[in-house]
Amino acid sequence: MKTSILKIRHFIYIPLVLILLVSCKQRANDITSKKTNKNTIRSLIAMLENADSNNVMVIAHRGDWRNAPENSLQAIQNCIDMGVDIVEIDIHKTKDGKLVLIHDKKLDRTTTGKGLVKDWTLDSLRTLYLRNGANHPTHHKIPTLEEAMLLAKGKILINLDKCYSYFDEAYEILKKTGTTDQVIMKGKVTLPEVRKEFGEYLDKVPFMPVVVLHEENTEETINEYIEKFSPIAFEFVFKDEKSPILSKFKEIRKKGSRIWVNSLWKSLNAGYEDDMALVKTDSIYGWYIKKGVNMIQTDRPQLLLNYLRDKGLHK
């Protein structure tokens, strides 16, 4: 009888020990993961603030939208997994005042719904499904800004686009989620305009001016920002190679601002675009490097990452 009791205790004891060991290991992994995430964000912020670094930061346009619906949580997660530095997402407001991730004012292109985002409540949007790049419905839903920031927390930087008019509400969400240090705001505005419209946030969230080089007074706009504000970066748009500013990128970096360009389509970059990079990778991405660009927003993040890592330009 005693032998039977000992055997029963033995069989109970071993599984309990195994469960405790697994639980402790999982807890240790969770702690390690949290430390790693914090270190990742610190290093990304430090990299962003190092304007003259040759390490090129990669920004995924609307997330990894070739492999998941644009502006979806999965598109953001894919970017985290592949080691992208920044995800660009687009924000619109619902009828009941909730901020959600979607590029267009209308639902038609990217979801199974129709009409304006502002005419739908969040609950009604929850009944829709996101479409993928081939226009097929998926199982993915439209995420809120809060859901996106909780997913990104401690893992990746976020560029908020189409959010300038909603930033008061967005900032409350950033505070709630503890992600105010992970966001870059931007806008195509002069320094006096941004100080008037965005001033209270300029010491809380990095602001990046968008400058279109083929428009008038671009040099004056750039110089004013450099002399009176020193932005974290400039986003430059150029339809051709005529602007003298293209030869001053390295000079601007030395004055404290990173150089952001968009390799998305030719009207943004004089034809140095992602689709051309598929067959002429070095002549496209290499052109940016020679010019002194150290931030590239792309529709092909894995292709760009592979190129930069091969050149020792992405850590």
C-alpha atoms as a PDB file:
ATOM      1  CA  MET A   1       0.000   0.000   0.000  1.00  0.00           C
ATOM      2  CA  LYS A   2       2.839   2.427   0.942  1.00  0.00           C
ATOM      3  CA  THR A   3       4.603   1.569  -2.307  1.00  0.00           C
ATOM      4  CA  SER A   4       1.457   2.440  -4.308  1.00  0.00           C
ATOM      5  CA  ILE A   5       1.113   5.787  -2.515  1.00  0.00           C
ATOM      6  CA  LEU A   6       4.761   6.605  -3.210  1.00  0.00           C
ATOM      7  CA  LYS A   7       4.290   5.801  -6.892  1.00  0.00           C
ATOM      8  CA  ILE A   8       1.208   8.064  -7.089  1.00  0.00           C
ATOM      9  CA  ARG A   9       3.095  10.892  -5.386  1.00  0.00           C
ATOM     10  CA  HIS A  10       5.968  10.356  -7.785  1.00  0.00           C
ATOM     11  CA  PHE A  11       3.725  10.598 -10.838  1.00  0.00           C
ATOM     12  CA  ILE A  12       2.033  13.765  -9.464  1.00  0.00           C
ATOM     13  CA  TYR A  13       5.321  15.404  -8.444  1.00  0.00           C
ATOM     14  CA  ILE A  14       7.101  15.120 -11.789  1.00  0.00           C
ATOM     15  CA  PRO A  15       4.357  16.844 -13.852  1.00  0.00           C
ATOM     16  CA  LEU A  16       4.108  19.616 -11.247  1.00  0.00           C
ATOM     17  CA  VAL A  17       7.853  20.214 -11.422  1.00  0.00           C
ATOM     18  CA  LEU A  18       7.721  20.282 -15.211  1.00  0.00           C
ATOM     19  CA  ILE A  19       4.837  22.763 -15.161  1.00  0.00           C
ATOM     20  CA  LEU A  20       6.714  25.007 -12.721  1.00  0.00           C
ATOM     21  CA  LEU A  21       9.880  24.836 -14.836  1.00  0.00           C
ATOM     22  CA  VAL A  22       7.993  25.715 -18.009  1.00  0.00           C
ATOM     23  CA  SER A  23       6.187  28.531 -16.204  1.00  0.00           C
ATOM     24  CA  CYS A  24       9.462  29.961 -14.864  1.00  0.00           C
ATOM     25  CA  LYS A  25      11.084  29.689 -18.288  1.00  0.00           C
ATOM     26  CA  GLN A  26       8.121  31.470 -19.913  1.00  0.00           C
ATOM     27  CA  ARG A  27       8.288  34.214 -17.270  1.00  0.00           C
ATOM     28  CA  ALA A  28      12.003  34.622 -17.903  1.00  0.00           C
ATOM     29  CA  ASN A  29      11.372  34.803 -21.632  1.00  0.00           C
ATOM     30  CA  ASP A  30       8.685  37.428 -21.110  1.00  0.00           C
ATOM     31  CA  ILE A  31      11.037  39.524 -18.974  1.00  0.00           C
ATOM     32  CA  THR A  32      13.839  39.147 -21.527  1.00  0.00           C
ATOM     33  CA  SER A  33      11.447  40.083 -24.318  1.00  0.00           C
ATOM     34  CA  LYS A  34      10.368  43.217 -22.493  1.00  0.00           C
ATOM     35  CA  LYS A  35      13.982  44.218 -21.915  1.00  0.00           C
ATOM     36  CA  THR A  36      14.817  43.566 -25.552  1.00  0.00           C
ATOM     37  CA  ASN A  37      11.867  45.661 -26.718  1.00  0.00           C
ATOM     38  CA  LYS A  38      12.875  48.579 -24.493  1.00  0.00           C
ATOM     39  CA  ASN A  39      16.431  48.364 -25.750  1.00  0.00           C
ATOM     40  CA  THR A  40      15.132  48.241 -29.318  1.00  0.00           C
ATOM     41  CA  ILE A  41      13.111  51.427 -28.889  1.00  0.00           C
ATOM     42  CA  ARG A  42      15.991  53.215 -27.180  1.00  0.00           C
ATOM     43  CA  SER A  43      18.321  52.232 -30.001  1.00  0.00           C
ATOM     44  CA  LEU A  44      15.794  53.265 -32.664  1.00  0.00           C
ATOM     45  CA  ILE A  45      15.264  56.658 -31.029  1.00  0.00           C
ATOM     46  CA  ALA A  46      19.029  57.125 -30.671  1.00  0.00           C
ATOM     47  CA  MET A  47      19.446  56.210 -34.329  1.00  0.00           C
ATOM     48  CA  LEU A  48      16.731  58.662 -35.372  1.00  0.00           C
ATOM     49  CA  GLU A  49      18.447  61.415 -33.389  1.00  0.00           C
ATOM     50  CA  ASN A  50      21.849  60.663 -34.970  1.00  0.00           C
ATOM     51  CA  ALA A  51      21.270  62.802 -38.063  1.00  0.00           C
ATOM     52  CA  ASP A  52      24.622  62.228 -39.755  1.00  0.00           C
ATOM     53  CA  SER A  53      24.648  58.448 -39.350  1.00  0.00           C
ATOM     54  CA  ASN A  54      25.243  56.343 -42.468  1.00  0.00           C
ATOM     55  CA  ASN A  55      22.905  53.723 -41.036  1.00  0.00           C
ATOM     56  CA  VAL A  56      19.829  53.958 -43.274  1.00  0.00           C
ATOM     57  CA  MET A  57      16.482  53.727 -41.526  1.00  0.00           C
ATOM     58  CA  VAL A  58      13.769  51.782 -43.371  1.00  0.00           C
ATOM     59  CA  ILE A  59      10.161  52.975 -43.304  1.00  0.00           C
ATOM     60  CA  ALA A  60       7.428  50.608 -44.503  1.00  0.00           C
ATOM     61  CA  HIS A  61       4.677  52.473 -46.357  1.00  0.00           C
ATOM     62  CA  ARG A  62       1.278  51.434 -44.887  1.00  0.00           C
ATOM     63  CA  GLY A  63       3.058  48.438 -43.369  1.00  0.00           C
ATOM     64  CA  ASP A  64       4.018  45.284 -45.243  1.00  0.00           C
ATOM     65  CA  TRP A  65       1.019  45.664 -47.533  1.00  0.00           C
ATOM     66  CA  ARG A  66       2.194  43.214 -50.191  1.00  0.00           C
ATOM     67  CA  ASN A  67       1.814  40.378 -47.697  1.00  0.00           C
ATOM     68  CA  ALA A  68      -1.073  41.685 -45.562  1.00  0.00           C
ATOM     69  CA  PRO A  69      -3.790  44.318 -46.039  1.00  0.00           C
ATOM     70  CA  GLU A  70      -2.420  47.853 -45.850  1.00  0.00           C
ATOM     71  CA  ASN A  71      -2.740  49.554 -42.467  1.00  0.00           C
ATOM     72  CA  SER A  72      -3.657  46.247 -40.819  1.00  0.00           C
ATOM     73  CA  LEU A  73      -2.240  44.921 -37.562  1.00  0.00           C
ATOM     74  CA  GLN A  74      -0.699  42.041 -39.500  1.00  0.00           C
ATOM     75  CA  ALA A  75       1.031  44.484 -41.859  1.00  0.00           C
ATOM     76  CA  ILE A  76       2.598  46.151 -38.797  1.00  0.00           C
ATOM     77  CA  GLN A  77       3.538  42.819 -37.193  1.00  0.00           C
ATOM     78  CA  ASN A  78       5.267  41.687 -40.391  1.00  0.00           C
ATOM     79  CA  CYS A  79       7.406  44.826 -40.256  1.00  0.00           C
ATOM     80  CA  ILE A  80       8.326  44.185 -36.642  1.00  0.00           C
ATOM     81  CA  ASP A  81       9.308  40.617 -37.523  1.00  0.00           C
ATOM     82  CA  MET A  82      11.533  41.605 -40.454  1.00  0.00           C
ATOM     83  CA  GLY A  83      13.320  44.370 -38.535  1.00  0.00           C
ATOM     84  CA  VAL A  84      11.869  47.497 -40.157  1.00  0.00           C
ATOM     85  CA  ASP A  85      12.641  50.687 -38.200  1.00  0.00           C
ATOM     86  CA  ILE A  86       9.465  52.709 -38.804  1.00  0.00           C
ATOM     87  CA  VAL A  87       5.952  51.939 -40.023  1.00  0.00           C
ATOM     88  CA  GLU A  88       3.957  54.661 -41.749  1.00  0.00           C
ATOM     89  CA  ILE A  89       0.226  54.459 -41.019  1.00  0.00           C
ATOM     90  CA  ASP A  90      -2.743  56.610 -42.035  1.00  0.00           C
ATOM     91  CA  ILE A  91      -5.442  57.897 -39.706  1.00  0.00           C
ATOM     92  CA  HIS A  92      -9.089  58.878 -40.196  1.00  0.00           C
ATOM     93  CA  LYS A  93     -11.880  59.605 -37.725  1.00  0.00           C
ATOM     94  CA  THR A  94     -15.177  57.723 -37.488  1.00  0.00           C
ATOM     95  CA  LYS A  95     -18.648  59.189 -37.037  1.00  0.00           C
ATOM     96  CA  ASP A  96     -18.392  58.611 -33.280  1.00  0.00           C
ATOM     97  CA  GLY A  97     -14.946  60.220 -33.025  1.00  0.00           C
ATOM     98  CA  LYS A  98     -12.714  57.127 -32.952  1.00  0.00           C
ATOM     99  CA  LEU A  99      -9.356  57.153 -34.753  1.00  0.00           C
ATOM    100  CA  VAL A 100      -8.818  54.208 -37.088  1.00  0.00           C
ATOM    101  CA  LEU A 101      -6.141  53.092 -39.543  1.00  0.00           C
ATOM    102  CA  ILE A 102      -7.156  53.606 -43.165  1.00  0.00           C
ATOM    103  CA  HIS A 103      -5.585  55.566 -46.012  1.00  0.00           C
ATOM    104  CA  ASP A 104      -8.575  56.720 -48.048  1.00  0.00           C
ATOM    105  CA  LYS A 105     -11.477  58.904 -46.941  1.00  0.00           C
ATOM    106  CA  LYS A 106     -13.691  56.245 -48.487  1.00  0.00           C
ATOM    107  CA  LEU A 107     -13.974  52.586 -47.536  1.00  0.00           C
ATOM    108  CA  ASP A 108     -14.476  51.292 -51.071  1.00  0.00           C
ATOM    109  CA  ARG A 109     -10.898  50.468 -52.142  1.00  0.00           C
ATOM    110  CA  THR A 110      -9.510  48.800 -49.030  1.00  0.00           C
ATOM    111  CA  THR A 111     -12.546  47.241 -47.324  1.00  0.00           C
ATOM    112  CA  THR A 112     -15.744  45.342 -48.046  1.00  0.00           C
ATOM    113  CA  GLY A 113     -17.749  48.467 -47.214  1.00  0.00           C
ATOM    114  CA  LYS A 114     -18.684  51.580 -49.159  1.00  0.00           C
ATOM    115  CA  GLY A 115     -18.956  55.255 -48.367  1.00  0.00           C
ATOM    116  CA  LEU A 116     -17.018  57.701 -46.209  1.00  0.00           C
ATOM    117  CA  VAL A 117     -15.231  56.607 -43.050  1.00  0.00           C
ATOM    118  CA  LYS A 118     -16.663  59.636 -41.232  1.00  0.00           C
ATOM    119  CA  ASP A 119     -20.207  58.363 -41.879  1.00  0.00           C
ATOM    120  CA  TRP A 120     -19.610  55.043 -40.086  1.00  0.00           C
ATOM    121  CA  THR A 121     -19.362  54.381 -36.356  1.00  0.00           C
ATOM    122  CA  LEU A 122     -16.577  52.194 -35.048  1.00  0.00           C
ATOM    123  CA  ASP A 123     -19.022  49.367 -34.280  1.00  0.00           C
ATOM    124  CA  SER A 124     -20.312  49.433 -37.847  1.00  0.00           C
ATOM    125  CA  LEU A 125     -16.766  49.418 -39.232  1.00  0.00           C
ATOM    126  CA  ARG A 126     -16.096  46.305 -37.153  1.00  0.00           C
ATOM    127  CA  THR A 127     -18.519  44.406 -39.400  1.00  0.00           C
ATOM    128  CA  LEU A 128     -16.285  44.988 -42.446  1.00  0.00           C
ATOM    129  CA  TYR A 129     -13.212  43.147 -43.687  1.00  0.00           C
ATOM    130  CA  LEU A 130     -10.022  44.554 -45.163  1.00  0.00           C
ATOM    131  CA  ARG A 131      -9.090  43.766 -48.759  1.00  0.00           C
ATOM    132  CA  ASN A 132      -5.585  42.722 -49.745  1.00  0.00           C
ATOM    133  CA  GLY A 133      -3.436  44.214 -52.504  1.00  0.00           C
ATOM    134  CA  ALA A 134      -5.245  42.084 -55.097  1.00  0.00           C
ATOM    135  CA  ASN A 135      -8.611  43.490 -53.901  1.00  0.00           C
ATOM    136  CA  HIS A 136      -9.743  40.222 -52.309  1.00  0.00           C
ATOM    137  CA  PRO A 137     -11.497  40.281 -48.903  1.00  0.00           C
ATOM    138  CA  THR A 138      -9.460  38.871 -46.012  1.00  0.00           C
ATOM    139  CA  HIS A 139     -10.227  37.971 -42.399  1.00  0.00           C
ATOM    140  CA  HIS A 140      -8.484  41.155 -41.182  1.00  0.00           C
ATOM    141  CA  LYS A 141     -10.430  44.048 -39.616  1.00  0.00           C
ATOM    142  CA  ILE A 142      -9.871  47.812 -39.553  1.00  0.00           C
ATOM    143  CA  PRO A 143      -7.759  48.512 -36.448  1.00  0.00           C
ATOM    144  CA  THR A 144      -8.019  51.495 -34.144  1.00  0.00           C
ATOM    145  CA  LEU A 145      -5.015  53.713 -33.514  1.00  0.00           C
ATOM    146  CA  GLU A 146      -4.980  52.439 -29.932  1.00  0.00           C
ATOM    147  CA  GLU A 147      -4.742  48.809 -31.082  1.00  0.00           C
ATOM    148  CA  ALA A 148      -1.939  49.691 -33.486  1.00  0.00           C
ATOM    149  CA  MET A 149       0.060  51.555 -30.846  1.00  0.00           C
ATOM    150  CA  LEU A 150      -0.313  48.725 -28.331  1.00  0.00           C
ATOM    151  CA  LEU A 151       1.028  46.313 -30.956  1.00  0.00           C
ATOM    152  CA  ALA A 152       3.930  48.640 -31.800  1.00  0.00           C
ATOM    153  CA  LYS A 153       4.730  49.486 -28.170  1.00  0.00           C
ATOM    154  CA  GLY A 154       8.377  48.891 -27.408  1.00  0.00           C
ATOM    155  CA  LYS A 155       9.046  47.357 -30.819  1.00  0.00           C
ATOM    156  CA  ILE A 156       8.978  49.849 -33.694  1.00  0.00           C
ATOM    157  CA  LEU A 157       8.661  53.571 -34.437  1.00  0.00           C
ATOM    158  CA  ILE A 158       5.474  54.909 -36.036  1.00  0.00           C
ATOM    159  CA  ASN A 159       4.996  57.721 -38.536  1.00  0.00           C
ATOM    160  CA  LEU A 160       1.461  59.104 -38.350  1.00  0.00           C
ATOM    161  CA  ASP A 161       0.226  60.338 -41.719  1.00  0.00           C
ATOM    162  CA  LYS A 162      -3.069  62.105 -42.445  1.00  0.00           C
ATOM    163  CA  CYS A 163      -3.240  62.760 -38.699  1.00  0.00           C
ATOM    164  CA  TYR A 164      -2.315  66.439 -38.521  1.00  0.00           C
ATOM    165  CA  SER A 165      -5.933  67.552 -38.026  1.00  0.00           C
ATOM    166  CA  TYR A 166      -6.624  64.850 -35.435  1.00  0.00           C
ATOM    167  CA  PHE A 167      -3.453  65.096 -33.392  1.00  0.00           C
ATOM    168  CA  ASP A 168      -5.129  66.372 -30.215  1.00  0.00           C
ATOM    169  CA  GLU A 169      -7.123  63.130 -30.041  1.00  0.00           C
ATOM    170  CA  ALA A 170      -4.177  61.044 -31.235  1.00  0.00           C
ATOM    171  CA  TYR A 171      -1.918  62.409 -28.503  1.00  0.00           C
ATOM    172  CA  GLU A 172      -4.374  61.320 -25.820  1.00  0.00           C
ATOM    173  CA  ILE A 173      -4.161  57.782 -27.228  1.00  0.00           C
ATOM    174  CA  LEU A 174      -0.360  57.944 -27.274  1.00  0.00           C
ATOM    175  CA  LYS A 175      -0.369  58.975 -23.610  1.00  0.00           C
ATOM    176  CA  LYS A 176      -2.836  56.227 -22.717  1.00  0.00           C
ATOM    177  CA  THR A 177      -0.737  53.556 -24.440  1.00  0.00           C
ATOM    178  CA  GLY A 178       2.602  54.935 -23.233  1.00  0.00           C
ATOM    179  CA  THR A 179       3.921  55.406 -26.769  1.00  0.00           C
ATOM    180  CA  THR A 180       4.505  59.165 -27.064  1.00  0.00           C
ATOM    181  CA  ASP A 181       8.224  58.545 -27.638  1.00  0.00           C
ATOM    182  CA  GLN A 182       7.597  56.202 -30.587  1.00  0.00           C
ATOM    183  CA  VAL A 183       5.823  58.586 -32.950  1.00  0.00           C
ATOM    184  CA  ILE A 184       6.980  60.952 -35.700  1.00  0.00           C
ATOM    185  CA  MET A 185       4.545  63.576 -36.939  1.00  0.00           C
ATOM    186  CA  LYS A 186       4.872  65.357 -40.270  1.00  0.00           C
ATOM    187  CA  GLY A 187       3.219  67.977 -42.422  1.00  0.00           C
ATOM    188  CA  LYS A 188       3.671  70.107 -45.516  1.00  0.00           C
ATOM    189  CA  VAL A 189       3.626  73.405 -43.631  1.00  0.00           C
ATOM    190  CA  THR A 190       5.930  76.334 -42.958  1.00  0.00           C
ATOM    191  CA  LEU A 191       7.554  76.783 -39.562  1.00  0.00           C
ATOM    192  CA  PRO A 192       5.220  79.645 -38.516  1.00  0.00           C
ATOM    193  CA  GLU A 193       2.230  77.482 -39.474  1.00  0.00           C
ATOM    194  CA  VAL A 194       3.405  74.446 -37.526  1.00  0.00           C
ATOM    195  CA  ARG A 195       4.198  76.558 -34.469  1.00  0.00           C
ATOM    196  CA  LYS A 196       0.701  78.017 -34.581  1.00  0.00           C
ATOM    197  CA  GLU A 197      -1.159  74.761 -35.248  1.00  0.00           C
ATOM    198  CA  PHE A 198       1.061  72.167 -33.564  1.00  0.00           C
ATOM    199  CA  GLY A 199       3.128  74.244 -31.156  1.00  0.00           C
ATOM    200  CA  GLU A 200       2.167  72.628 -27.867  1.00  0.00           C
ATOM    201  CA  TYR A 201       3.429  69.254 -29.105  1.00  0.00           C
ATOM    202  CA  LEU A 202       6.763  70.329 -30.606  1.00  0.00           C
ATOM    203  CA  ASP A 203       8.678  69.530 -27.413  1.00  0.00           C
ATOM    204  CA  LYS A 204       6.814  66.226 -26.956  1.00  0.00           C
ATOM    205  CA  VAL A 205       6.774  64.535 -30.376  1.00  0.00           C
ATOM    206  CA  PRO A 206       9.337  64.859 -33.202  1.00  0.00           C
ATOM    207  CA  PHE A 207       7.982  66.842 -36.145  1.00  0.00           C
ATOM    208  CA  MET A 208       9.233  66.388 -39.708  1.00  0.00           C
ATOM    209  CA  PRO A 209       8.480  68.989 -42.398  1.00  0.00           C
ATOM    210  CA  VAL A 210       7.589  67.716 -45.863  1.00  0.00           C
ATOM    211  CA  VAL A 211       9.284  69.764 -48.590  1.00  0.00           C
ATOM    212  CA  VAL A 212       8.405  69.490 -52.294  1.00  0.00           C
ATOM    213  CA  LEU A 213      11.590  70.503 -54.106  1.00  0.00           C
ATOM    214  CA  HIS A 214      10.011  71.578 -57.381  1.00  0.00           C
ATOM    215  CA  GLU A 215       7.807  74.153 -55.646  1.00  0.00           C
ATOM    216  CA  GLU A 216       8.775  77.762 -54.977  1.00  0.00           C
ATOM    217  CA  ASN A 217      10.603  79.035 -51.883  1.00  0.00           C
ATOM    218  CA  THR A 218      11.835  75.580 -50.848  1.00  0.00           C
ATOM    219  CA  GLU A 219      15.326  76.793 -49.902  1.00  0.00           C
ATOM    220  CA  GLU A 220      13.861  79.523 -47.707  1.00  0.00           C
ATOM    221  CA  THR A 221      11.592  76.990 -46.003  1.00  0.00           C
ATOM    222  CA  ILE A 222      14.467  74.573 -45.390  1.00  0.00           C
ATOM    223  CA  ASN A 223      16.822  77.268 -44.097  1.00  0.00           C
ATOM    224  CA  GLU A 224      14.212  78.651 -41.730  1.00  0.00           C
ATOM    225  CA  TYR A 225      13.581  75.201 -40.259  1.00  0.00           C
ATOM    226  CA  ILE A 226      17.309  74.528 -39.881  1.00  0.00           C
ATOM    227  CA  GLU A 227      18.108  77.894 -38.288  1.00  0.00           C
ATOM    228  CA  LYS A 228      15.101  78.173 -35.968  1.00  0.00           C
ATOM    229  CA  PHE A 229      13.929  74.633 -35.273  1.00  0.00           C
ATOM    230  CA  SER A 230      16.404  71.892 -36.301  1.00  0.00           C
ATOM    231  CA  PRO A 231      13.860  69.179 -37.209  1.00  0.00           C
ATOM    232  CA  ILE A 232      14.620  65.527 -36.611  1.00  0.00           C
ATOM    233  CA  ALA A 233      14.404  65.000 -40.389  1.00  0.00           C
ATOM    234  CA  PHE A 234      13.203  66.494 -43.652  1.00  0.00           C
ATOM    235  CA  GLU A 235      10.982  64.522 -46.012  1.00  0.00           C
ATOM    236  CA  PHE A 236      11.907  65.533 -49.558  1.00  0.00           C
ATOM    237  CA  VAL A 237       9.702  65.029 -52.612  1.00  0.00           C
ATOM    238  CA  PHE A 238      11.125  65.622 -56.106  1.00  0.00           C
ATOM    239  CA  LYS A 239       9.693  64.814 -59.534  1.00  0.00           C
ATOM    240  CA  ASP A 240      13.034  65.368 -61.310  1.00  0.00           C
ATOM    241  CA  GLU A 241      16.727  65.900 -60.518  1.00  0.00           C
ATOM    242  CA  LYS A 242      16.846  69.645 -61.202  1.00  0.00           C
ATOM    243  CA  SER A 243      16.749  70.933 -57.627  1.00  0.00           C
ATOM    244  CA  PRO A 244      20.125  72.026 -56.184  1.00  0.00           C
ATOM    245  CA  ILE A 245      18.931  70.738 -52.810  1.00  0.00           C
ATOM    246  CA  LEU A 246      19.625  67.172 -54.015  1.00  0.00           C
ATOM    247  CA  SER A 247      23.331  67.907 -53.774  1.00  0.00           C
ATOM    248  CA  LYS A 248      23.011  69.356 -50.247  1.00  0.00           C
ATOM    249  CA  PHE A 249      21.643  66.333 -48.375  1.00  0.00           C
ATOM    250  CA  LYS A 250      24.934  65.582 -46.615  1.00  0.00           C
ATOM    251  CA  GLU A 251      25.271  69.237 -45.631  1.00  0.00           C
ATOM    252  CA  ILE A 252      21.753  69.223 -44.160  1.00  0.00           C
ATOM    253  CA  ARG A 253      22.561  66.072 -42.201  1.00  0.00           C
ATOM    254  CA  LYS A 254      25.587  67.744 -40.621  1.00  0.00           C
ATOM    255  CA  LYS A 255      23.293  70.539 -39.456  1.00  0.00           C
ATOM    256  CA  GLY A 256      21.173  68.054 -37.483  1.00  0.00           C
ATOM    257  CA  SER A 257      18.413  66.624 -39.686  1.00  0.00           C
ATOM    258  CA  ARG A 258      18.102  63.204 -41.275  1.00  0.00           C
ATOM    259  CA  ILE A 259      17.101  62.941 -44.941  1.00  0.00           C
ATOM    260  CA  TRP A 260      13.878  61.044 -45.688  1.00  0.00           C
ATOM    261  CA  VAL A 261      12.878  60.191 -49.262  1.00  0.00           C
ATOM    262  CA  ASN A 262      10.121  58.015 -50.722  1.00  0.00           C
ATOM    263  CA  SER A 263      11.016  55.233 -53.160  1.00  0.00           C
ATOM    264  CA  LEU A 264       7.313  54.533 -53.781  1.00  0.00           C
ATOM    265  CA  TRP A 265       6.529  55.879 -57.273  1.00  0.00           C
ATOM    266  CA  LYS A 266       8.313  58.147 -59.723  1.00  0.00           C
ATOM    267  CA  SER A 267       6.465  61.422 -59.102  1.00  0.00           C
ATOM    268  CA  LEU A 268       7.966  61.380 -55.598  1.00  0.00           C
ATOM    269  CA  ASN A 269      11.542  60.536 -56.522  1.00  0.00           C
ATOM    270  CA  ALA A 270      12.445  61.352 -60.168  1.00  0.00           C
ATOM    271  CA  GLY A 271      11.948  57.707 -61.127  1.00  0.00           C
ATOM    272  CA  TYR A 272      14.139  56.078 -58.453  1.00  0.00           C
ATOM    273  CA  GLU A 273      11.292  53.792 -57.425  1.00  0.00           C
ATOM    274  CA  ASP A 274      10.843  50.415 -55.761  1.00  0.00           C
ATOM    275  CA  ASP A 275       9.519  48.558 -58.790  1.00  0.00           C
ATOM    276  CA  MET A 276      12.636  49.510 -60.770  1.00  0.00           C
ATOM    277  CA  ALA A 277      14.730  48.356 -57.823  1.00  0.00           C
ATOM    278  CA  LEU A 278      13.481  44.813 -58.379  1.00  0.00           C
ATOM    279  CA  VAL A 279      15.726  44.547 -61.445  1.00  0.00           C
ATOM    280  CA  LYS A 280      18.168  47.417 -60.861  1.00  0.00           C
ATOM    281  CA  THR A 281      18.561  47.346 -57.105  1.00  0.00           C
ATOM    282  CA  ASP A 282      21.936  49.024 -56.816  1.00  0.00           C
ATOM    283  CA  SER A 283      21.256  51.741 -59.391  1.00  0.00           C
ATOM    284  CA  ILE A 284      18.056  52.701 -57.536  1.00  0.00           C
ATOM    285  CA  TYR A 285      18.801  52.305 -53.841  1.00  0.00           C
ATOM    286  CA  GLY A 286      22.496  52.940 -54.425  1.00  0.00           C
ATOM    287  CA  TRP A 287      21.635  56.337 -55.949  1.00  0.00           C
ATOM    288  CA  TYR A 288      19.959  57.364 -52.704  1.00  0.00           C
ATOM    289  CA  ILE A 289      22.988  56.296 -50.669  1.00  0.00           C
ATOM    290  CA  LYS A 290      25.368  58.304 -52.861  1.00  0.00           C
ATOM    291  CA  LYS A 291      23.166  61.370 -52.439  1.00  0.00           C
ATOM    292  CA  GLY A 292      23.349  61.070 -48.656  1.00  0.00           C
ATOM    293  CA  VAL A 293      19.831  59.836 -47.971  1.00  0.00           C
ATOM    294  CA  ASN A 294      19.572  57.982 -44.641  1.00  0.00           C
ATOM    295  CA  MET A 295      15.814  57.342 -44.375  1.00  0.00           C
ATOM    296  CA  ILE A 296      13.866  55.582 -47.129  1.00  0.00           C
ATOM    297  CA  GLN A 297      10.136  54.955 -47.154  1.00  0.00           C
ATOM    298  CA  THR A 298       9.444  51.917 -49.305  1.00  0.00           C
ATOM    299  CA  ASP A 299       6.725  49.639 -50.619  1.00  0.00           C
ATOM    300  CA  ARG A 300       9.249  46.767 -50.672  1.00  0.00           C
ATOM    301  CA  PRO A 301      10.729  46.721 -47.166  1.00  0.00           C
ATOM    302  CA  GLN A 302      12.303  43.264 -47.355  1.00  0.00           C
ATOM    303  CA  LEU A 303      14.058  44.040 -50.653  1.00  0.00           C
ATOM    304  CA  LEU A 304      15.439  47.287 -49.245  1.00  0.00           C
ATOM    305  CA  LEU A 305      16.491  45.677 -45.963  1.00  0.00           C
ATOM    306  CA  ASN A 306      18.340  42.921 -47.813  1.00  0.00           C
ATOM    307  CA  TYR A 307      20.173  45.470 -49.958  1.00  0.00           C
ATOM    308  CA  LEU A 308      21.170  47.694 -47.031  1.00  0.00           C
ATOM    309  CA  ARG A 309      22.268  44.803 -44.825  1.00  0.00           C
ATOM    310  CA  ASP A 310      24.404  43.427 -47.629  1.00  0.00           C
ATOM    311  CA  LYS A 311      26.109  46.844 -47.847  1.00  0.00           C
ATOM    312  CA  GLY A 312      26.517  47.126 -44.080  1.00  0.00           C
ATOM    313  CA  LEU A 313      24.122  50.079 -43.968  1.00  0.00           C
ATOM    314  CA  HIS A 314      21.404  48.653 -41.713  1.00  0.00           C
ATOM    315  CA  LYS A 315      21.955  47.239 -38.242  1.00  0.00           C
END
